[in-house]
Amino acid sequence: MINVTEKAKEQIVALRAEDGKSNDYNVRVSVKGGGCSGLMYDLDFDNTELDSDEIFEDKGVKILVDKKSLLYL
């Protein structure tokens, strides 16, 4: 389960508007190998829900996570 604080929700709404994205865009979280620095966590807006995504929703914010990245969260 991924929880979203009120402050985080406000920031997500503001960043989405700043990027000119509609409310159809959700937050995508992915984890990638970062070489000798360890893992890199990537946050972006995405309006495509894949069948392989795990979807979390809290306070009206949808968070999409692919199954491979979910192992590291």
Protein backbone atom coordinates (compact mmCIF):
# COMPACT_ATOMS: atom_id res chain seq x y z
CA MET A 1 0.00 0.00 0.00
CA ILE A 2 1.25 3.46 -0.88
CA ASN A 3 -0.08 6.37 1.15
CA VAL A 4 -0.26 9.98 -0.01
CA THR A 5 -0.16 12.84 2.48
CA GLU A 6 -2.28 15.95 1.94
CA LYS A 7 0.89 17.96 1.26
CA ALA A 8 2.01 15.41 -1.37
CA LYS A 9 -1.42 15.51 -3.01
CA GLU A 10 -1.25 19.31 -3.23
CA GLN A 11 2.22 19.09 -4.78
CA ILE A 12 1.11 16.44 -7.30
CA VAL A 13 -1.87 18.56 -8.35
CA ALA A 14 0.35 21.65 -8.70
CA LEU A 15 3.06 19.84 -10.70
CA ARG A 16 0.50 18.21 -12.99
CA ALA A 17 -1.06 21.61 -13.72
CA GLU A 18 2.38 23.18 -14.22
CA ASP A 19 3.18 20.48 -16.80
CA GLY A 20 -0.14 21.15 -18.56
CA LYS A 21 -1.36 17.62 -17.89
CA SER A 22 -5.04 16.82 -17.37
CA ASN A 23 -6.44 14.87 -14.42
CA ASP A 24 -6.27 11.76 -16.64
CA TYR A 25 -2.54 11.64 -15.89
CA ASN A 26 -1.55 9.57 -12.88
CA VAL A 27 1.73 9.26 -11.01
CA ARG A 28 3.99 6.48 -12.31
CA VAL A 29 6.67 5.18 -9.96
CA SER A 30 9.48 3.06 -11.36
CA VAL A 31 12.73 1.74 -9.99
CA LYS A 32 15.80 1.42 -12.21
CA GLY A 33 19.35 0.23 -11.66
CA GLY A 34 21.64 3.13 -10.93
CA GLY A 35 25.02 1.47 -11.29
CA CYS A 36 27.34 1.75 -8.32
CA SER A 37 25.04 4.32 -6.71
CA GLY A 38 22.32 1.73 -6.14
CA LEU A 39 18.74 2.14 -7.33
CA MET A 40 17.16 5.19 -8.94
CA TYR A 41 13.53 6.00 -8.25
CA ASP A 42 11.67 7.71 -11.09
CA LEU A 43 8.41 9.62 -10.71
CA ASP A 44 6.52 10.83 -13.76
CA PHE A 45 3.01 11.50 -15.01
CA ASP A 46 1.47 8.84 -17.26
CA ASN A 47 -2.03 8.41 -18.68
CA THR A 48 -1.56 4.76 -19.70
CA GLU A 49 -2.51 1.98 -17.33
CA LEU A 50 -0.85 -1.30 -18.33
CA ASP A 51 -2.31 -4.71 -17.52
CA SER A 52 0.88 -5.49 -15.62
CA ASP A 53 0.61 -2.38 -13.41
CA GLU A 54 -0.22 -2.49 -9.74
CA ILE A 55 -2.52 0.46 -9.06
CA PHE A 56 -2.77 2.22 -5.71
CA GLU A 57 -5.15 5.06 -4.94
CA ASP A 58 -5.13 7.35 -1.93
CA LYS A 59 -6.81 10.73 -1.46
CA GLY A 60 -7.88 10.71 -5.11
CA VAL A 61 -4.33 10.22 -6.41
CA LYS A 62 -3.69 7.13 -8.54
CA ILE A 63 -0.20 5.67 -8.44
CA LEU A 64 0.91 3.20 -11.11
CA VAL A 65 3.77 0.79 -10.40
CA ASP A 66 5.03 -1.94 -12.72
CA LYS A 67 5.42 -5.37 -11.11
CA LYS A 68 9.24 -5.37 -11.31
CA SER A 69 9.53 -1.99 -9.58
CA LEU A 70 7.03 -3.06 -6.93
CA LEU A 71 9.61 -5.51 -5.56
CA TYR A 72 11.83 -2.58 -4.50
CA LEU A 73 9.20 -0.38 -2.88
